[in-house]
Amino acid sequence: MNSINFSKGELSVCHKNNCMNVRGDIAKVIVFGLATLVVIGGIASMLEQSN
């Protein structure tokens, strides 16, 4: 099972019972980057559908 958790400045990514924990500013940068990609993907999808 895959899971991604972000809480109290710690990012935890688990895949098939293997987990990786990232703490501090690096975790915030990763989460912000992923959120940015999702938003850009959503905007691109909306623009593509309007054409």
PDB file of N, CA and C in Angstrom:
ATOM      1  N   MET A   1       0.836  -1.187   0.000  1.00  0.00           N
ATOM      2  CA  MET A   1       0.000   0.000   0.000  1.00  0.00           C
ATOM      3  C   MET A   1       0.877   1.246   0.000  1.00  0.00           C
ATOM      4  N   ASN A   2       0.475   2.247  -0.733  1.00  0.00           N
ATOM      5  CA  ASN A   2       1.213   3.504  -0.807  1.00  0.00           C
ATOM      6  C   ASN A   2       0.545   4.541   0.086  1.00  0.00           C
ATOM      7  N   SER A   3       1.366   5.324   0.780  1.00  0.00           N
ATOM      8  CA  SER A   3       0.794   6.410   1.573  1.00  0.00           C
ATOM      9  C   SER A   3       1.812   7.539   1.697  1.00  0.00           C
ATOM     10  N   ILE A   4       1.288   8.755   1.760  1.00  0.00           N
ATOM     11  CA  ILE A   4       2.097   9.949   1.957  1.00  0.00           C
ATOM     12  C   ILE A   4       1.450  10.736   3.080  1.00  0.00           C
ATOM     13  N   ASN A   5       2.218  11.016   4.129  1.00  0.00           N
ATOM     14  CA  ASN A   5       1.701  11.759   5.273  1.00  0.00           C
ATOM     15  C   ASN A   5       2.604  12.952   5.546  1.00  0.00           C
ATOM     16  N   PHE A   6       1.982  14.095   5.857  1.00  0.00           N
ATOM     17  CA  PHE A   6       2.736  15.284   6.241  1.00  0.00           C
ATOM     18  C   PHE A   6       2.119  15.836   7.504  1.00  0.00           C
ATOM     19  N   SER A   7       2.902  15.855   8.578  1.00  0.00           N
ATOM     20  CA  SER A   7       2.409  16.410   9.831  1.00  0.00           C
ATOM     21  C   SER A   7       3.571  16.941  10.652  1.00  0.00           C
ATOM     22  N   LYS A   8       3.362  18.064  11.271  1.00  0.00           N
ATOM     23  CA  LYS A   8       4.333  18.697  12.164  1.00  0.00           C
ATOM     24  C   LYS A   8       5.723  18.802  11.536  1.00  0.00           C
ATOM     25  N   GLY A   9       5.788  19.191  10.273  1.00  0.00           N
ATOM     26  CA  GLY A   9       7.063  19.399   9.622  1.00  0.00           C
ATOM     27  C   GLY A   9       7.792  18.141   9.224  1.00  0.00           C
ATOM     28  N   GLU A  10       7.105  17.008   9.229  1.00  0.00           N
ATOM     29  CA  GLU A  10       7.728  15.737   8.863  1.00  0.00           C
ATOM     30  C   GLU A  10       6.950  15.090   7.726  1.00  0.00           C
ATOM     31  N   LEU A  11       7.640  14.684   6.690  1.00  0.00           N
ATOM     32  CA  LEU A  11       7.050  14.021   5.541  1.00  0.00           C
ATOM     33  C   LEU A  11       7.382  12.536   5.620  1.00  0.00           C
ATOM     34  N   SER A  12       6.377  11.691   5.514  1.00  0.00           N
ATOM     35  CA  SER A  12       6.559  10.250   5.565  1.00  0.00           C
ATOM     36  C   SER A  12       5.957   9.642   4.306  1.00  0.00           C
ATOM     37  N   VAL A  13       6.784   8.926   3.540  1.00  0.00           N
ATOM     38  CA  VAL A  13       6.340   8.277   2.312  1.00  0.00           C
ATOM     39  C   VAL A  13       6.535   6.778   2.481  1.00  0.00           C
ATOM     40  N   CYS A  14       5.451   6.003   2.334  1.00  0.00           N
ATOM     41  CA  CYS A  14       5.523   4.548   2.497  1.00  0.00           C
ATOM     42  C   CYS A  14       5.070   3.852   1.221  1.00  0.00           C
ATOM     43  N   HIS A  15       5.811   2.814   0.824  1.00  0.00           N
ATOM     44  CA  HIS A  15       5.476   2.014  -0.355  1.00  0.00           C
ATOM     45  C   HIS A  15       5.840   0.564  -0.053  1.00  0.00           C
ATOM     46  N   LYS A  16       4.849  -0.303  -0.039  1.00  0.00           N
ATOM     47  CA  LYS A  16       5.042  -1.735   0.223  1.00  0.00           C
ATOM     48  C   LYS A  16       5.858  -1.982   1.497  1.00  0.00           C
ATOM     49  N   ASN A  17       5.415  -1.354   2.602  1.00  0.00           N
ATOM     50  CA  ASN A  17       6.023  -1.497   3.928  1.00  0.00           C
ATOM     51  C   ASN A  17       7.438  -0.944   4.021  1.00  0.00           C
ATOM     52  N   ASN A  18       7.895  -0.180   3.055  1.00  0.00           N
ATOM     53  CA  ASN A  18       9.165   0.536   3.140  1.00  0.00           C
ATOM     54  C   ASN A  18       8.855   2.015   3.295  1.00  0.00           C
ATOM     55  N   CYS A  19       9.296   2.594   4.405  1.00  0.00           N
ATOM     56  CA  CYS A  19       8.973   3.990   4.684  1.00  0.00           C
ATOM     57  C   CYS A  19      10.219   4.867   4.695  1.00  0.00           C
ATOM     58  N   MET A  20      10.043   6.101   4.228  1.00  0.00           N
ATOM     59  CA  MET A  20      11.115   7.083   4.246  1.00  0.00           C
ATOM     60  C   MET A  20      10.582   8.326   4.942  1.00  0.00           C
ATOM     61  N   ASN A  21      11.294   8.809   5.922  1.00  0.00           N
ATOM     62  CA  ASN A  21      10.891  10.004   6.663  1.00  0.00           C
ATOM     63  C   ASN A  21      11.818  11.160   6.341  1.00  0.00           C
ATOM     64  N   VAL A  22      11.231  12.316   6.072  1.00  0.00           N
ATOM     65  CA  VAL A  22      11.998  13.531   5.808  1.00  0.00           C
ATOM     66  C   VAL A  22      11.507  14.589   6.781  1.00  0.00           C
ATOM     67  N   ARG A  23      12.440  15.266   7.435  1.00  0.00           N
ATOM     68  CA  ARG A  23      12.052  16.252   8.444  1.00  0.00           C
ATOM     69  C   ARG A  23      12.545  17.639   8.074  1.00  0.00           C
ATOM     70  N   GLY A  24      11.886  18.638   8.637  1.00  0.00           N
ATOM     71  CA  GLY A  24      12.340  20.016   8.552  1.00  0.00           C
ATOM     72  C   GLY A  24      12.007  20.716   7.251  1.00  0.00           C
ATOM     73  N   ASP A  25      12.899  21.622   6.863  1.00  0.00           N
ATOM     74  CA  ASP A  25      12.667  22.473   5.703  1.00  0.00           C
ATOM     75  C   ASP A  25      12.602  21.673   4.409  1.00  0.00           C
ATOM     76  N   ILE A  26      13.366  20.597   4.322  1.00  0.00           N
ATOM     77  CA  ILE A  26      13.349  19.782   3.102  1.00  0.00           C
ATOM     78  C   ILE A  26      11.966  19.191   2.886  1.00  0.00           C
ATOM     79  N   ALA A  27      11.321  18.745   3.954  1.00  0.00           N
ATOM     80  CA  ALA A  27       9.964  18.195   3.843  1.00  0.00           C
ATOM     81  C   ALA A  27       8.996  19.258   3.342  1.00  0.00           C
ATOM     82  N   LYS A  28       9.137  20.474   3.840  1.00  0.00           N
ATOM     83  CA  LYS A  28       8.253  21.563   3.412  1.00  0.00           C
ATOM     84  C   LYS A  28       8.457  21.877   1.937  1.00  0.00           C
ATOM     85  N   VAL A  29       9.711  21.862   1.488  1.00  0.00           N
ATOM     86  CA  VAL A  29      10.003  22.132   0.080  1.00  0.00           C
ATOM     87  C   VAL A  29       9.393  21.052  -0.804  1.00  0.00           C
ATOM     88  N   ILE A  30       9.516  19.785  -0.403  1.00  0.00           N
ATOM     89  CA  ILE A  30       8.959  18.678  -1.186  1.00  0.00           C
ATOM     90  C   ILE A  30       7.444  18.795  -1.274  1.00  0.00           C
ATOM     91  N   VAL A  31       6.785  19.045  -0.147  1.00  0.00           N
ATOM     92  CA  VAL A  31       5.321  19.160  -0.135  1.00  0.00           C
ATOM     93  C   VAL A  31       4.874  20.355  -0.968  1.00  0.00           C
ATOM     94  N   PHE A  32       5.555  21.488  -0.844  1.00  0.00           N
ATOM     95  CA  PHE A  32       5.204  22.668  -1.633  1.00  0.00           C
ATOM     96  C   PHE A  32       5.392  22.402  -3.122  1.00  0.00           C
ATOM     97  N   GLY A  33       6.468  21.708  -3.479  1.00  0.00           N
ATOM     98  CA  GLY A  33       6.710  21.368  -4.883  1.00  0.00           C
ATOM     99  C   GLY A  33       5.639  20.461  -5.446  1.00  0.00           C
ATOM    100  N   LEU A  34       5.244  19.453  -4.687  1.00  0.00           N
ATOM    101  CA  LEU A  34       4.179  18.546  -5.140  1.00  0.00           C
ATOM    102  C   LEU A  34       2.861  19.290  -5.293  1.00  0.00           C
ATOM    103  N   ALA A  35       2.541  20.150  -4.334  1.00  0.00           N
ATOM    104  CA  ALA A  35       1.297  20.929  -4.409  1.00  0.00           C
ATOM    105  C   ALA A  35       1.311  21.848  -5.633  1.00  0.00           C
ATOM    106  N   THR A  36       2.461  22.431  -5.920  1.00  0.00           N
ATOM    107  CA  THR A  36       2.577  23.303  -7.084  1.00  0.00           C
ATOM    108  C   THR A  36       2.340  22.524  -8.367  1.00  0.00           C
ATOM    109  N   LEU A  37       2.910  21.327  -8.453  1.00  0.00           N
ATOM    110  CA  LEU A  37       2.709  20.494  -9.643  1.00  0.00           C
ATOM    111  C   LEU A  37       1.240  20.122  -9.830  1.00  0.00           C
ATOM    112  N   VAL A  38       0.555  19.817  -8.736  1.00  0.00           N
ATOM    113  CA  VAL A  38      -0.863  19.468  -8.816  1.00  0.00           C
ATOM    114  C   VAL A  38      -1.680  20.663  -9.304  1.00  0.00           C
ATOM    115  N   VAL A  39      -1.391  21.845  -8.785  1.00  0.00           N
ATOM    116  CA  VAL A  39      -2.130  23.044  -9.190  1.00  0.00           C
ATOM    117  C   VAL A  39      -1.867  23.364 -10.659  1.00  0.00           C
ATOM    118  N   ILE A  40      -0.599  23.298 -11.075  1.00  0.00           N
ATOM    119  CA  ILE A  40      -0.273  23.576 -12.478  1.00  0.00           C
ATOM    120  C   ILE A  40      -0.937  22.552 -13.394  1.00  0.00           C
ATOM    121  N   GLY A  41      -0.940  21.278 -12.979  1.00  0.00           N
ATOM    122  CA  GLY A  41      -1.607  20.241 -13.765  1.00  0.00           C
ATOM    123  C   GLY A  41      -3.098  20.494 -13.886  1.00  0.00           C
ATOM    124  N   GLY A  42      -3.733  20.939 -12.812  1.00  0.00           N
ATOM    125  CA  GLY A  42      -5.159  21.251 -12.843  1.00  0.00           C
ATOM    126  C   GLY A  42      -5.470  22.418 -13.758  1.00  0.00           C
ATOM    127  N   ILE A  43      -4.644  23.453 -13.698  1.00  0.00           N
ATOM    128  CA  ILE A  43      -4.855  24.610 -14.571  1.00  0.00           C
ATOM    129  C   ILE A  43      -4.665  24.218 -16.031  1.00  0.00           C
ATOM    130  N   ALA A  44      -3.629  23.445 -16.313  1.00  0.00           N
ATOM    131  CA  ALA A  44      -3.379  23.002 -17.691  1.00  0.00           C
ATOM    132  C   ALA A  44      -4.535  22.156 -18.206  1.00  0.00           C
ATOM    133  N   SER A  45      -5.085  21.316 -17.349  1.00  0.00           N
ATOM    134  CA  SER A  45      -6.211  20.470 -17.746  1.00  0.00           C
ATOM    135  C   SER A  45      -7.442  21.319 -18.054  1.00  0.00           C
ATOM    136  N   MET A  46      -7.704  22.332 -17.235  1.00  0.00           N
ATOM    137  CA  MET A  46      -8.850  23.205 -17.474  1.00  0.00           C
ATOM    138  C   MET A  46      -8.680  23.979 -18.771  1.00  0.00           C
ATOM    139  N   LEU A  47      -7.464  24.467 -19.030  1.00  0.00           N
ATOM    140  CA  LEU A  47      -7.225  25.208 -20.261  1.00  0.00           C
ATOM    141  C   LEU A  47      -7.370  24.310 -21.485  1.00  0.00           C
ATOM    142  N   GLU A  48      -6.938  23.082 -21.365  1.00  0.00           N
ATOM    143  CA  GLU A  48      -7.043  22.140 -22.478  1.00  0.00           C
ATOM    144  C   GLU A  48      -8.507  21.811 -22.772  1.00  0.00           C
ATOM    145  N   GLN A  49      -9.323  21.675 -21.733  1.00  0.00           N
ATOM    146  CA  GLN A  49     -10.736  21.357 -21.929  1.00  0.00           C
ATOM    147  C   GLN A  49     -11.485  22.541 -22.516  1.00  0.00           C
ATOM    148  N   SER A  50     -11.063  23.765 -22.219  1.00  0.00           N
ATOM    149  CA  SER A  50     -11.771  24.936 -22.750  1.00  0.00           C
ATOM    150  C   SER A  50     -11.511  25.136 -24.236  1.00  0.00           C
ATOM    151  N   ASN A  51     -10.413  24.587 -24.728  1.00  0.00           N
ATOM    152  CA  ASN A  51     -10.114  24.711 -26.154  1.00  0.00           C
ATOM    153  C   ASN A  51     -10.831  23.617 -26.841  1.00  0.00           C
TER     154      ASN A  51
END
